[in-house]
Protein backbone atom coordinates (compact mmCIF):
# COMPACT_ATOMS: atom_id res chain seq x y z
CA MET A 1 5.82 -25.08 12.42
CA ALA A 2 3.31 -22.58 11.14
CA SER A 3 1.34 -20.66 13.70
CA ARG A 4 -2.41 -20.99 13.33
CA GLN A 5 -4.94 -18.38 14.27
CA ASN A 6 -8.58 -19.43 14.04
CA GLY A 7 -7.46 -22.61 12.24
CA GLU A 8 -5.93 -20.59 9.40
CA ARG A 9 -2.45 -21.27 8.04
CA THR A 10 0.03 -18.38 7.93
CA ARG A 11 -0.09 -16.81 4.45
CA VAL A 12 3.29 -16.30 2.80
CA MET A 13 3.98 -14.64 -0.54
CA ILE A 14 7.12 -15.58 -2.44
CA VAL A 15 8.28 -13.11 -5.10
CA GLU A 16 11.03 -14.95 -6.95
CA GLN A 17 12.13 -14.97 -10.59
CA ASP A 18 13.99 -18.30 -10.25
CA TRP A 19 11.23 -20.84 -10.98
CA ASN A 20 13.06 -23.84 -9.49
CA PHE A 21 13.97 -22.11 -6.25
CA GLY A 22 10.53 -20.51 -5.87
CA VAL A 23 8.69 -23.80 -6.34
CA LYS A 24 11.00 -25.60 -3.91
CA LEU A 25 10.54 -22.87 -1.30
CA ALA A 26 6.76 -22.93 -1.76
CA ASP A 27 6.72 -26.73 -1.41
CA TRP A 28 8.89 -26.56 1.71
CA LEU A 29 6.66 -23.92 3.30
CA ALA A 30 3.50 -25.90 2.46
CA ALA A 31 5.03 -29.07 3.93
CA HIS A 32 5.64 -27.13 7.16
CA GLY A 33 2.06 -25.92 7.49
CA TYR A 34 2.18 -22.53 5.79
CA HIS A 35 0.00 -21.28 2.93
CA PRO A 36 2.47 -20.09 0.28
CA VAL A 37 1.71 -18.24 -2.93
CA PHE A 38 4.54 -18.08 -5.44
CA VAL A 39 4.67 -15.31 -8.04
CA ARG A 40 7.48 -14.57 -10.45
CA THR A 41 6.96 -10.85 -11.05
CA VAL A 42 6.53 -7.78 -8.92
CA ASP A 43 3.38 -6.82 -10.84
CA ALA A 44 1.80 -10.18 -9.99
CA ALA A 45 2.79 -9.73 -6.35
CA ILE A 46 1.28 -6.26 -6.13
CA ASP A 47 -1.91 -7.42 -7.86
CA GLY A 48 -2.25 -10.39 -5.50
CA MET A 49 -1.41 -8.73 -2.20
CA SER A 50 -4.76 -7.09 -1.55
CA ASP A 51 -6.67 -10.35 -2.08
CA PHE A 52 -4.15 -12.72 -0.48
CA ARG A 53 -3.09 -10.41 2.38
CA PRO A 54 0.24 -12.12 3.12
CA GLN A 55 1.44 -12.29 6.69
CA ALA A 56 5.05 -12.53 5.48
CA VAL A 57 6.83 -11.88 2.20
CA PHE A 58 9.96 -13.46 0.71
CA VAL A 59 11.58 -11.38 -2.04
CA GLY A 60 14.22 -12.92 -4.30
CA LEU A 61 16.94 -10.78 -5.86
CA SER A 62 18.83 -12.38 -8.71
CA CYS A 63 21.70 -9.92 -9.09
CA SER A 64 23.10 -6.75 -7.57
CA ALA A 65 22.99 -4.52 -10.65
CA SER A 66 22.32 -0.91 -9.73
CA ALA A 67 19.23 -0.65 -11.95
CA GLU A 68 17.71 -3.65 -10.22
CA ARG A 69 18.53 -2.11 -6.82
CA ILE A 70 16.45 0.93 -7.72
CA ASP A 71 13.55 -1.34 -8.68
CA MET A 72 14.05 -3.25 -5.43
CA ILE A 73 13.65 -0.07 -3.38
CA GLU A 74 10.33 0.62 -5.13
CA ILE A 75 9.21 -2.98 -4.66
CA LEU A 76 10.01 -2.97 -0.95
CA LEU A 77 8.25 0.36 -0.42
CA LEU A 78 5.13 -0.97 -2.17
CA ILE A 79 5.14 -4.15 -0.10
CA GLN A 80 5.50 -2.15 3.11
CA THR A 81 2.63 0.10 2.07
CA LEU A 82 0.32 -2.80 1.19
CA CYS A 83 1.35 -5.12 4.04
CA PRO A 84 2.85 -2.94 6.78
CA CYS A 85 2.90 -5.66 9.46
CA ALA A 86 4.29 -8.45 7.28
CA PRO A 87 7.95 -9.28 7.84
CA LEU A 88 10.11 -9.00 4.72
CA LEU A 89 12.84 -11.53 4.08
CA MET A 90 15.28 -11.08 1.19
CA LEU A 91 16.90 -13.99 -0.63
CA ALA A 92 19.73 -12.91 -2.93
CA ASP A 93 22.16 -14.67 -5.26
CA GLN A 94 24.96 -12.41 -4.09
CA THR A 95 25.48 -9.49 -1.76
CA GLY A 96 27.51 -6.37 -1.30
CA LYS A 97 27.76 -3.77 1.42
CA ASP A 98 25.79 -1.17 -0.56
CA LEU A 99 22.99 -3.64 -1.39
CA THR A 100 22.74 -4.75 2.22
CA HIS A 101 22.37 -1.13 3.40
CA VAL A 102 19.66 -0.46 0.80
CA VAL A 103 17.49 -3.43 1.71
CA PHE A 104 17.77 -2.95 5.46
CA ARG A 105 16.87 0.74 5.13
CA GLN A 106 13.74 -0.36 3.26
CA GLY A 107 12.45 -2.59 6.06
CA VAL A 108 13.95 -5.97 5.25
CA ARG A 109 14.56 -7.74 8.54
CA ARG A 110 16.48 -10.76 7.22
CA PHE A 111 18.85 -11.00 4.31
CA LEU A 112 19.92 -14.49 3.25
CA VAL A 113 22.35 -15.34 0.44
CA LYS A 114 21.77 -18.34 -1.82
CA PRO A 115 22.61 -21.13 -1.73
CA VAL A 116 20.95 -21.43 1.66
CA ALA A 117 19.43 -24.45 3.36
CA PHE A 118 15.67 -24.42 3.74
CA SER A 119 16.15 -25.19 7.43
CA GLN A 120 18.09 -21.92 7.76
CA ILE A 121 15.35 -20.06 5.89
CA GLY A 122 12.80 -21.66 8.21
CA GLU A 123 14.68 -20.58 11.34
CA ALA A 124 14.96 -16.98 10.13
CA PHE A 125 11.34 -16.97 9.04
CA GLN A 126 10.04 -18.38 12.34
CA SER A 127 12.11 -15.84 14.25
CA GLU A 128 10.56 -12.99 12.25
CA LEU A 129 7.02 -14.35 12.72
CA SER A 130 7.62 -14.65 16.45
CA ALA A 131 8.90 -11.06 16.61
CA VAL A 132 5.79 -9.79 14.83
CA THR A 133 3.51 -11.79 17.15
CA VAL A 134 5.22 -10.35 20.23
CA THR A 135 4.99 -6.73 19.02
CA VAL A 136 1.43 -6.86 17.65
């Protein structure tokens, strides 16, 4: 269940190119009391972060091509700069040892590989939110 501070729902940004998955994740989060915003591009995410001020960010990665990994490093650094206290959770279509090292070095706390049950996403997400609450 979403934690509420001052009656406000926890704000979650979803950066995901896969429309179907992103909408389903946003619907699932909303049904569980969160305030999700789903964007399909990094530019839209960066533009919306200062106004929306997400308390957590999901980032989808559709493939493990090396060019996309370089973009991912830049994306994660920007998110950390704009939202330094927000936990980052990565959702990828596939994984490899080198990709895993890259994303964890850039501050991603959880790395989940699709297909993944929304209940599993929820457990990982709640764990990260609880960790942030304890340390803040």
